[in-house]
């Protein structure tokens, strides 16, 4: 399985951070490519993107100020296959990326992603009171995986909060 390329540049409005690529994403080389993943629909319904993008258009998000990466680059069937060592290494690499690129807001797509990154156990949805990297906003959003049991409208409402925090 091959990793999926990051889509990054300096001073993004939002950097989206997932756990790691799915097997499907690895096969096609694009983020959030599993048909059961609702990432692209959520961004559109929350008003973050002007239209519903498809996974093969993931690099085009850079044009509107958004980037994509993962805390761990190794593709797996499920996040529970990621090792403690992979998280430790991924945390350091991700922190360096954020320090160098200085995104305005870092959206962690899944509470567990932020818990692994920050070391915090109790994490509320939305903007965090303190960010790991000063000068950015850490924002925790529900995972877009089809396995998440939250109602779609509840997920979209949490993502909508980002639109009030960023000014393009």
N, C-alpha and C. Protein backbone atom coordinates (compact mmCIF):
# COMPACT_ATOMS: atom_id res chain seq x y z
N UNK A 1 0.84 -1.18 0.00
CA UNK A 1 0.00 0.00 0.00
C UNK A 1 0.88 1.25 0.00
N UNK A 2 0.48 2.20 -0.80
CA UNK A 2 1.27 3.44 -0.87
C UNK A 2 0.56 4.56 -0.11
N UNK A 3 1.36 5.46 0.50
CA UNK A 3 0.74 6.60 1.18
C UNK A 3 0.06 7.53 0.16
N UNK A 4 -0.80 8.39 0.65
CA UNK A 4 -1.48 9.37 -0.19
C UNK A 4 -0.75 10.70 0.01
N UNK A 5 -0.44 11.37 -1.07
CA UNK A 5 0.32 12.63 -0.98
C UNK A 5 -0.45 13.70 -0.22
N UNK A 6 0.29 14.44 0.60
CA UNK A 6 -0.26 15.63 1.26
C UNK A 6 -0.55 16.69 0.20
N UNK A 7 -1.49 17.55 0.51
CA UNK A 7 -1.74 18.74 -0.31
C UNK A 7 -1.59 19.92 0.65
N UNK A 8 -0.41 20.56 0.57
CA UNK A 8 -0.04 21.58 1.55
C UNK A 8 0.57 22.81 0.89
N UNK A 9 0.40 23.94 1.55
CA UNK A 9 1.12 25.16 1.21
C UNK A 9 1.07 26.06 2.44
N UNK A 10 1.82 27.13 2.42
CA UNK A 10 1.88 28.03 3.57
C UNK A 10 0.58 28.82 3.73
N UNK A 11 0.28 29.13 4.98
CA UNK A 11 -0.82 30.02 5.38
C UNK A 11 -2.18 29.63 4.81
N UNK A 12 -2.49 28.34 4.90
CA UNK A 12 -3.81 27.86 4.50
C UNK A 12 -4.87 28.43 5.45
N UNK A 13 -6.08 28.56 4.96
CA UNK A 13 -7.20 28.92 5.85
C UNK A 13 -7.50 27.74 6.78
N UNK A 14 -7.57 26.53 6.20
CA UNK A 14 -7.83 25.32 6.98
C UNK A 14 -6.90 24.20 6.51
N UNK A 15 -6.29 23.52 7.46
CA UNK A 15 -5.57 22.28 7.19
C UNK A 15 -6.39 21.16 7.82
N UNK A 16 -6.88 20.23 7.00
CA UNK A 16 -7.64 19.08 7.48
C UNK A 16 -6.67 17.95 7.77
N UNK A 17 -6.79 17.36 8.97
CA UNK A 17 -5.90 16.28 9.40
C UNK A 17 -6.74 15.05 9.73
N UNK A 18 -6.52 13.97 9.00
CA UNK A 18 -7.21 12.71 9.28
C UNK A 18 -6.30 11.76 10.04
N UNK A 19 -6.85 10.58 10.38
CA UNK A 19 -6.05 9.54 11.04
C UNK A 19 -4.95 9.06 10.09
N UNK A 20 -5.38 8.45 8.97
CA UNK A 20 -4.47 7.88 7.98
C UNK A 20 -5.30 7.52 6.75
N UNK A 21 -4.65 7.25 5.63
CA UNK A 21 -5.43 6.92 4.43
C UNK A 21 -6.12 5.55 4.55
N UNK A 22 -7.27 5.46 3.95
CA UNK A 22 -7.96 4.17 3.85
C UNK A 22 -7.28 3.34 2.76
N UNK A 23 -7.62 2.08 2.70
CA UNK A 23 -7.11 1.22 1.63
C UNK A 23 -7.54 1.78 0.27
N UNK A 24 -8.79 2.20 0.17
CA UNK A 24 -9.30 2.75 -1.09
C UNK A 24 -8.54 4.02 -1.48
N UNK A 25 -8.30 4.90 -0.52
CA UNK A 25 -7.54 6.12 -0.81
C UNK A 25 -6.14 5.77 -1.31
N UNK A 26 -5.53 4.77 -0.71
CA UNK A 26 -4.20 4.34 -1.15
C UNK A 26 -4.25 3.80 -2.58
N UNK A 27 -5.27 3.03 -2.90
CA UNK A 27 -5.40 2.45 -4.24
C UNK A 27 -5.54 3.52 -5.32
N UNK A 28 -6.31 4.56 -5.03
CA UNK A 28 -6.57 5.59 -6.06
C UNK A 28 -5.70 6.83 -5.90
N UNK A 29 -5.00 6.97 -4.76
CA UNK A 29 -4.09 8.09 -4.55
C UNK A 29 -4.76 9.40 -4.18
N UNK A 30 -5.96 9.32 -3.57
CA UNK A 30 -6.68 10.54 -3.19
C UNK A 30 -7.28 10.41 -1.79
N UNK A 31 -7.32 11.53 -1.08
CA UNK A 31 -7.87 11.57 0.28
C UNK A 31 -9.38 11.34 0.29
N UNK A 32 -9.84 10.67 1.33
CA UNK A 32 -11.27 10.45 1.58
C UNK A 32 -11.97 9.84 0.37
N UNK A 33 -11.36 8.80 -0.21
CA UNK A 33 -11.88 8.19 -1.44
C UNK A 33 -12.84 7.03 -1.19
N UNK A 34 -12.91 6.53 0.03
CA UNK A 34 -13.84 5.44 0.31
C UNK A 34 -15.27 5.95 0.08
N UNK A 35 -16.07 5.23 -0.71
CA UNK A 35 -17.44 5.71 -0.99
C UNK A 35 -18.30 5.88 0.26
N UNK A 36 -17.93 5.20 1.35
CA UNK A 36 -18.69 5.34 2.61
C UNK A 36 -18.25 6.56 3.42
N UNK A 37 -17.17 7.20 3.00
CA UNK A 37 -16.69 8.37 3.74
C UNK A 37 -17.46 9.60 3.26
N UNK A 38 -17.93 10.42 4.22
CA UNK A 38 -18.80 11.56 3.91
C UNK A 38 -18.08 12.91 3.92
N UNK A 39 -16.76 12.89 3.91
CA UNK A 39 -15.96 14.12 4.02
C UNK A 39 -16.38 15.18 3.02
N UNK A 40 -16.42 14.83 1.75
CA UNK A 40 -16.71 15.81 0.69
C UNK A 40 -18.13 16.36 0.81
N UNK A 41 -19.06 15.52 1.18
CA UNK A 41 -20.47 15.95 1.38
C UNK A 41 -20.57 16.89 2.59
N UNK A 42 -19.88 16.55 3.66
CA UNK A 42 -19.91 17.38 4.87
C UNK A 42 -19.37 18.78 4.59
N UNK A 43 -18.23 18.85 3.89
CA UNK A 43 -17.65 20.18 3.59
C UNK A 43 -18.62 21.04 2.80
N UNK A 44 -19.28 20.43 1.83
CA UNK A 44 -20.23 21.19 1.01
C UNK A 44 -21.45 21.60 1.84
N UNK A 45 -22.04 20.67 2.55
CA UNK A 45 -23.26 20.98 3.32
C UNK A 45 -23.00 21.97 4.45
N UNK A 46 -21.75 22.02 4.95
CA UNK A 46 -21.41 22.97 6.01
C UNK A 46 -21.06 24.35 5.46
N UNK A 47 -21.01 24.48 4.13
CA UNK A 47 -20.68 25.76 3.52
C UNK A 47 -19.19 26.05 3.48
N UNK A 48 -18.38 25.04 3.67
CA UNK A 48 -16.92 25.21 3.64
C UNK A 48 -16.42 25.24 2.21
N UNK A 49 -17.01 24.40 1.35
CA UNK A 49 -16.67 24.42 -0.08
C UNK A 49 -17.88 24.92 -0.86
N UNK A 50 -17.64 25.58 -2.01
CA UNK A 50 -18.74 26.13 -2.79
C UNK A 50 -19.56 25.08 -3.54
N UNK A 51 -19.02 23.88 -3.64
CA UNK A 51 -19.72 22.77 -4.29
C UNK A 51 -19.20 21.48 -3.69
N UNK A 52 -19.83 20.37 -4.04
CA UNK A 52 -19.37 19.08 -3.53
C UNK A 52 -18.22 18.59 -4.42
N UNK A 53 -17.04 18.56 -3.86
CA UNK A 53 -15.87 18.04 -4.56
C UNK A 53 -15.90 16.52 -4.52
N UNK A 54 -15.15 15.91 -5.43
CA UNK A 54 -14.96 14.46 -5.45
C UNK A 54 -13.54 14.19 -4.97
N UNK A 55 -13.28 12.98 -4.50
CA UNK A 55 -11.96 12.64 -3.97
C UNK A 55 -10.84 12.92 -4.99
N UNK A 56 -11.09 12.66 -6.27
CA UNK A 56 -10.05 12.87 -7.27
C UNK A 56 -9.69 14.35 -7.44
N UNK A 57 -10.48 15.24 -6.87
CA UNK A 57 -10.22 16.68 -6.94
C UNK A 57 -9.53 17.20 -5.67
N UNK A 58 -9.05 16.31 -4.83
CA UNK A 58 -8.53 16.73 -3.52
C UNK A 58 -7.45 17.81 -3.61
N UNK A 59 -6.58 17.74 -4.60
CA UNK A 59 -5.52 18.76 -4.75
C UNK A 59 -6.10 20.14 -5.06
N UNK A 60 -7.29 20.19 -5.64
CA UNK A 60 -7.92 21.46 -5.98
C UNK A 60 -8.33 22.27 -4.75
N UNK A 61 -8.39 21.64 -3.60
CA UNK A 61 -8.73 22.38 -2.38
C UNK A 61 -7.68 23.46 -2.10
N UNK A 62 -6.45 23.23 -2.53
CA UNK A 62 -5.40 24.24 -2.32
C UNK A 62 -5.79 25.58 -2.95
N UNK A 63 -6.51 25.53 -4.06
CA UNK A 63 -6.93 26.75 -4.76
C UNK A 63 -7.87 27.61 -3.92
N UNK A 64 -8.59 26.97 -3.01
CA UNK A 64 -9.52 27.73 -2.16
C UNK A 64 -9.01 27.85 -0.72
N UNK A 65 -7.71 27.55 -0.52
CA UNK A 65 -7.08 27.78 0.77
C UNK A 65 -7.13 26.66 1.77
N UNK A 66 -7.41 25.45 1.31
CA UNK A 66 -7.50 24.31 2.22
C UNK A 66 -6.46 23.26 1.85
N UNK A 67 -5.93 22.58 2.88
CA UNK A 67 -4.94 21.53 2.67
C UNK A 67 -5.37 20.24 3.35
N UNK A 68 -4.67 19.17 3.00
CA UNK A 68 -5.00 17.83 3.50
C UNK A 68 -3.73 17.09 3.91
N UNK A 69 -3.77 16.45 5.07
CA UNK A 69 -2.71 15.57 5.52
C UNK A 69 -3.31 14.58 6.52
N UNK A 70 -2.46 13.69 7.03
CA UNK A 70 -2.88 12.71 8.04
C UNK A 70 -1.83 12.65 9.13
N UNK A 71 -2.23 12.23 10.32
CA UNK A 71 -1.26 12.09 11.41
C UNK A 71 -0.35 10.89 11.16
N UNK A 72 -0.87 9.87 10.48
CA UNK A 72 -0.08 8.69 10.10
C UNK A 72 -0.26 8.48 8.60
N UNK A 73 0.83 8.21 7.91
CA UNK A 73 0.77 8.08 6.44
C UNK A 73 0.44 6.67 5.96
N UNK A 74 0.65 5.65 6.80
CA UNK A 74 0.44 4.26 6.36
C UNK A 74 -1.05 3.94 6.22
N UNK A 75 -1.48 3.49 5.05
CA UNK A 75 -2.88 3.11 4.87
C UNK A 75 -3.23 1.85 5.67
N UNK A 76 -4.45 1.85 6.22
CA UNK A 76 -4.96 0.68 6.92
C UNK A 76 -6.45 0.57 6.66
N UNK A 77 -7.01 -0.61 7.00
CA UNK A 77 -8.47 -0.79 6.91
C UNK A 77 -9.18 0.05 7.96
N UNK A 78 -8.58 0.11 9.16
CA UNK A 78 -9.21 0.85 10.26
C UNK A 78 -8.13 1.53 11.11
N UNK A 79 -8.52 2.61 11.77
CA UNK A 79 -7.57 3.39 12.58
C UNK A 79 -7.01 2.57 13.74
N UNK A 80 -7.74 1.55 14.20
CA UNK A 80 -7.24 0.77 15.34
C UNK A 80 -6.02 -0.09 14.98
N UNK A 81 -5.64 -0.11 13.70
CA UNK A 81 -4.44 -0.84 13.27
C UNK A 81 -3.18 0.01 13.39
N UNK A 82 -3.33 1.29 13.68
CA UNK A 82 -2.19 2.19 13.80
C UNK A 82 -1.48 1.93 15.13
N UNK A 83 -0.16 1.84 15.09
CA UNK A 83 0.60 1.53 16.31
C UNK A 83 0.92 2.79 17.11
N UNK A 84 1.23 2.57 18.37
CA UNK A 84 1.62 3.67 19.27
C UNK A 84 2.85 4.40 18.70
N UNK A 85 3.79 3.64 18.15
CA UNK A 85 5.01 4.22 17.58
C UNK A 85 4.69 5.09 16.36
N UNK A 86 3.75 4.63 15.53
CA UNK A 86 3.35 5.42 14.37
C UNK A 86 2.70 6.74 14.79
N UNK A 87 1.88 6.69 15.83
CA UNK A 87 1.28 7.94 16.33
C UNK A 87 2.35 8.88 16.88
N UNK A 88 3.30 8.33 17.62
CA UNK A 88 4.37 9.15 18.20
C UNK A 88 5.15 9.86 17.11
N UNK A 89 5.55 9.12 16.10
CA UNK A 89 6.29 9.70 14.97
C UNK A 89 5.42 10.69 14.21
N UNK A 90 4.17 10.31 13.94
CA UNK A 90 3.24 11.18 13.21
C UNK A 90 2.97 12.48 13.93
N UNK A 91 2.87 12.43 15.24
CA UNK A 91 2.63 13.63 16.05
C UNK A 91 3.76 14.65 15.85
N UNK A 92 5.00 14.17 15.88
CA UNK A 92 6.16 15.06 15.71
C UNK A 92 6.19 15.66 14.31
N UNK A 93 5.95 14.84 13.31
CA UNK A 93 5.97 15.31 11.93
C UNK A 93 4.85 16.33 11.70
N UNK A 94 3.66 16.03 12.20
CA UNK A 94 2.52 16.93 12.03
C UNK A 94 2.78 18.27 12.71
N UNK A 95 3.32 18.24 13.90
CA UNK A 95 3.60 19.50 14.61
C UNK A 95 4.58 20.36 13.81
N UNK A 96 5.61 19.73 13.23
CA UNK A 96 6.57 20.47 12.40
C UNK A 96 5.89 21.07 11.18
N UNK A 97 5.00 20.31 10.53
CA UNK A 97 4.28 20.82 9.36
C UNK A 97 3.47 22.06 9.74
N UNK A 98 2.77 21.98 10.87
CA UNK A 98 1.93 23.09 11.31
C UNK A 98 2.79 24.31 11.66
N UNK A 99 3.90 24.09 12.34
CA UNK A 99 4.80 25.19 12.70
C UNK A 99 5.36 25.87 11.45
N UNK A 100 5.71 25.09 10.44
CA UNK A 100 6.32 25.64 9.22
C UNK A 100 5.28 26.31 8.31
N UNK A 101 4.10 25.70 8.17
CA UNK A 101 3.12 26.17 7.19
C UNK A 101 2.17 27.23 7.75
N UNK A 102 2.03 27.28 9.06
CA UNK A 102 1.21 28.29 9.74
C UNK A 102 -0.23 28.40 9.20
N UNK A 103 -0.97 27.30 9.18
CA UNK A 103 -2.38 27.42 8.78
C UNK A 103 -3.14 28.22 9.84
N UNK A 104 -4.20 28.91 9.41
CA UNK A 104 -5.00 29.67 10.38
C UNK A 104 -5.74 28.73 11.32
N UNK A 105 -6.28 27.64 10.76
CA UNK A 105 -7.06 26.68 11.54
C UNK A 105 -6.65 25.28 11.14
N UNK A 106 -6.49 24.40 12.13
CA UNK A 106 -6.21 22.99 11.86
C UNK A 106 -7.42 22.21 12.31
N UNK A 107 -8.09 21.58 11.34
CA UNK A 107 -9.29 20.78 11.64
C UNK A 107 -8.89 19.31 11.75
N UNK A 108 -9.05 18.77 12.93
CA UNK A 108 -8.78 17.36 13.17
C UNK A 108 -10.06 16.58 12.89
N UNK A 109 -10.02 15.76 11.85
CA UNK A 109 -11.20 15.02 11.39
C UNK A 109 -11.32 13.75 12.22
N UNK A 110 -11.87 13.93 13.41
CA UNK A 110 -12.02 12.84 14.37
C UNK A 110 -11.41 13.22 15.71
N UNK A 111 -12.18 13.01 16.76
CA UNK A 111 -11.71 13.35 18.11
C UNK A 111 -10.43 12.57 18.45
N UNK A 112 -10.37 11.32 18.02
CA UNK A 112 -9.21 10.49 18.30
C UNK A 112 -7.93 11.01 17.66
N UNK A 113 -8.06 11.65 16.50
CA UNK A 113 -6.89 12.23 15.84
C UNK A 113 -6.30 13.31 16.75
N UNK A 114 -7.17 14.17 17.26
CA UNK A 114 -6.68 15.25 18.13
C UNK A 114 -6.14 14.71 19.45
N UNK A 115 -6.79 13.69 20.00
CA UNK A 115 -6.30 13.10 21.25
C UNK A 115 -4.89 12.55 21.06
N UNK A 116 -4.65 11.90 19.92
CA UNK A 116 -3.31 11.37 19.64
C UNK A 116 -2.30 12.51 19.45
N UNK A 117 -2.71 13.57 18.81
CA UNK A 117 -1.83 14.70 18.52
C UNK A 117 -1.52 15.51 19.78
N UNK A 118 -2.55 15.83 20.55
CA UNK A 118 -2.40 16.75 21.69
C UNK A 118 -2.05 16.06 23.00
N UNK A 119 -2.39 14.78 23.11
CA UNK A 119 -2.21 14.09 24.38
C UNK A 119 -3.34 14.35 25.36
N UNK A 120 -4.32 15.17 24.96
CA UNK A 120 -5.48 15.48 25.82
C UNK A 120 -6.49 14.33 25.76
N UNK A 121 -7.07 14.02 26.90
CA UNK A 121 -8.07 12.94 26.94
C UNK A 121 -9.48 13.49 26.73
N UNK A 122 -9.84 14.53 27.50
CA UNK A 122 -11.17 15.12 27.40
C UNK A 122 -11.12 16.25 26.38
N UNK A 123 -11.78 16.03 25.26
CA UNK A 123 -11.71 16.98 24.15
C UNK A 123 -13.13 17.33 23.68
N UNK A 124 -13.52 18.60 23.76
CA UNK A 124 -14.84 18.98 23.25
C UNK A 124 -14.82 19.16 21.73
N UNK A 125 -15.97 19.12 21.10
CA UNK A 125 -16.06 19.44 19.67
C UNK A 125 -15.78 20.92 19.49
N UNK A 126 -15.26 21.28 18.34
CA UNK A 126 -15.07 22.68 17.99
C UNK A 126 -13.68 23.20 18.32
N UNK A 127 -13.57 24.53 18.38
CA UNK A 127 -12.29 25.19 18.65
C UNK A 127 -11.85 24.87 20.08
N UNK A 128 -10.58 24.56 20.22
CA UNK A 128 -10.01 24.24 21.53
C UNK A 128 -9.53 25.54 22.19
N UNK A 129 -9.59 25.56 23.52
CA UNK A 129 -9.19 26.77 24.25
C UNK A 129 -7.72 27.12 24.02
N UNK A 130 -6.87 26.10 23.94
CA UNK A 130 -5.44 26.29 23.74
C UNK A 130 -5.01 25.40 22.58
N UNK A 131 -4.20 25.95 21.68
CA UNK A 131 -3.70 25.18 20.55
C UNK A 131 -2.31 24.63 20.85
N UNK A 132 -1.99 23.50 20.26
CA UNK A 132 -0.67 22.90 20.45
C UNK A 132 0.40 23.82 19.86
N UNK A 133 0.13 24.37 18.68
CA UNK A 133 1.06 25.32 18.05
C UNK A 133 0.45 26.71 18.16
N UNK A 134 1.07 27.60 18.93
CA UNK A 134 0.52 28.96 19.08
C UNK A 134 0.36 29.65 17.72
N UNK A 135 -0.71 30.44 17.60
CA UNK A 135 -0.95 31.17 16.36
C UNK A 135 -1.88 30.45 15.40
N UNK A 136 -2.27 29.23 15.73
CA UNK A 136 -3.25 28.50 14.93
C UNK A 136 -4.43 28.17 15.84
N UNK A 137 -5.55 27.86 15.23
CA UNK A 137 -6.73 27.40 15.98
C UNK A 137 -6.82 25.90 15.79
N UNK A 138 -6.82 25.15 16.88
CA UNK A 138 -7.07 23.71 16.82
C UNK A 138 -8.58 23.50 16.89
N UNK A 139 -9.12 22.80 15.91
CA UNK A 139 -10.56 22.58 15.82
C UNK A 139 -10.81 21.08 15.70
N UNK A 140 -11.65 20.55 16.59
CA UNK A 140 -11.95 19.12 16.59
C UNK A 140 -13.34 18.90 16.01
N UNK A 141 -13.39 18.11 14.94
CA UNK A 141 -14.65 17.80 14.25
C UNK A 141 -14.84 16.28 14.26
N UNK A 142 -16.08 15.84 14.15
CA UNK A 142 -16.31 14.40 14.07
C UNK A 142 -15.66 13.79 12.83
N UNK A 143 -15.29 12.55 12.95
CA UNK A 143 -14.78 11.81 11.79
C UNK A 143 -15.86 11.76 10.73
N UNK A 144 -15.44 11.77 9.48
CA UNK A 144 -16.38 11.71 8.37
C UNK A 144 -16.63 10.27 7.93
N UNK A 145 -16.06 9.33 8.63
CA UNK A 145 -16.24 7.92 8.31
C UNK A 145 -17.71 7.52 8.38
N UNK A 146 -18.10 6.64 7.50
CA UNK A 146 -19.46 6.12 7.52
C UNK A 146 -19.75 5.30 8.77
N UNK A 147 -18.72 4.95 9.54
CA UNK A 147 -18.90 4.17 10.77
C UNK A 147 -19.36 5.04 11.94
N UNK A 148 -19.21 6.35 11.81
CA UNK A 148 -19.61 7.27 12.88
C UNK A 148 -21.13 7.25 13.02
N UNK A 149 -21.59 7.13 14.25
CA UNK A 149 -23.03 6.99 14.51
C UNK A 149 -23.76 8.31 14.74
N UNK A 150 -23.07 9.43 14.69
CA UNK A 150 -23.75 10.73 14.84
C UNK A 150 -24.62 10.98 13.62
N UNK A 151 -25.69 11.74 13.83
CA UNK A 151 -26.54 12.13 12.70
C UNK A 151 -25.78 13.11 11.82
N UNK A 152 -26.02 13.01 10.53
CA UNK A 152 -25.33 13.85 9.56
C UNK A 152 -25.53 15.34 9.86
N UNK A 153 -26.75 15.75 10.20
CA UNK A 153 -26.99 17.17 10.45
C UNK A 153 -26.22 17.66 11.68
N UNK A 154 -26.01 16.80 12.68
CA UNK A 154 -25.22 17.18 13.85
C UNK A 154 -23.75 17.37 13.46
N UNK A 155 -23.24 16.49 12.62
CA UNK A 155 -21.85 16.60 12.15
C UNK A 155 -21.68 17.89 11.36
N UNK A 156 -22.59 18.16 10.45
CA UNK A 156 -22.52 19.36 9.61
C UNK A 156 -22.54 20.61 10.48
N UNK A 157 -23.36 20.64 11.52
CA UNK A 157 -23.43 21.81 12.40
C UNK A 157 -22.09 22.08 13.08
N UNK A 158 -21.39 21.04 13.47
CA UNK A 158 -20.07 21.23 14.09
C UNK A 158 -19.09 21.79 13.06
N UNK A 159 -19.10 21.24 11.85
CA UNK A 159 -18.20 21.74 10.80
C UNK A 159 -18.52 23.19 10.44
N UNK A 160 -19.79 23.56 10.49
CA UNK A 160 -20.19 24.94 10.16
C UNK A 160 -19.52 25.96 11.07
N UNK A 161 -19.20 25.57 12.29
CA UNK A 161 -18.55 26.50 13.23
C UNK A 161 -17.24 27.04 12.67
N UNK A 162 -16.58 26.25 11.82
CA UNK A 162 -15.30 26.71 11.24
C UNK A 162 -15.47 27.94 10.37
N UNK A 163 -16.61 28.05 9.68
CA UNK A 163 -16.80 29.16 8.76
C UNK A 163 -16.81 30.50 9.50
N UNK A 164 -17.16 30.48 10.78
CA UNK A 164 -17.16 31.72 11.58
C UNK A 164 -15.77 32.05 12.12
N UNK A 165 -14.88 31.07 12.11
CA UNK A 165 -13.54 31.25 12.69
C UNK A 165 -12.50 31.68 11.66
N UNK A 166 -12.79 31.45 10.39
CA UNK A 166 -11.79 31.79 9.36
C UNK A 166 -12.31 32.88 8.45
N UNK A 167 -11.45 33.78 8.14
CA UNK A 167 -11.76 34.84 7.19
C UNK A 167 -10.73 34.69 6.07
N UNK A 168 -11.22 34.47 4.88
CA UNK A 168 -10.29 34.25 3.76
C UNK A 168 -9.69 35.55 3.28
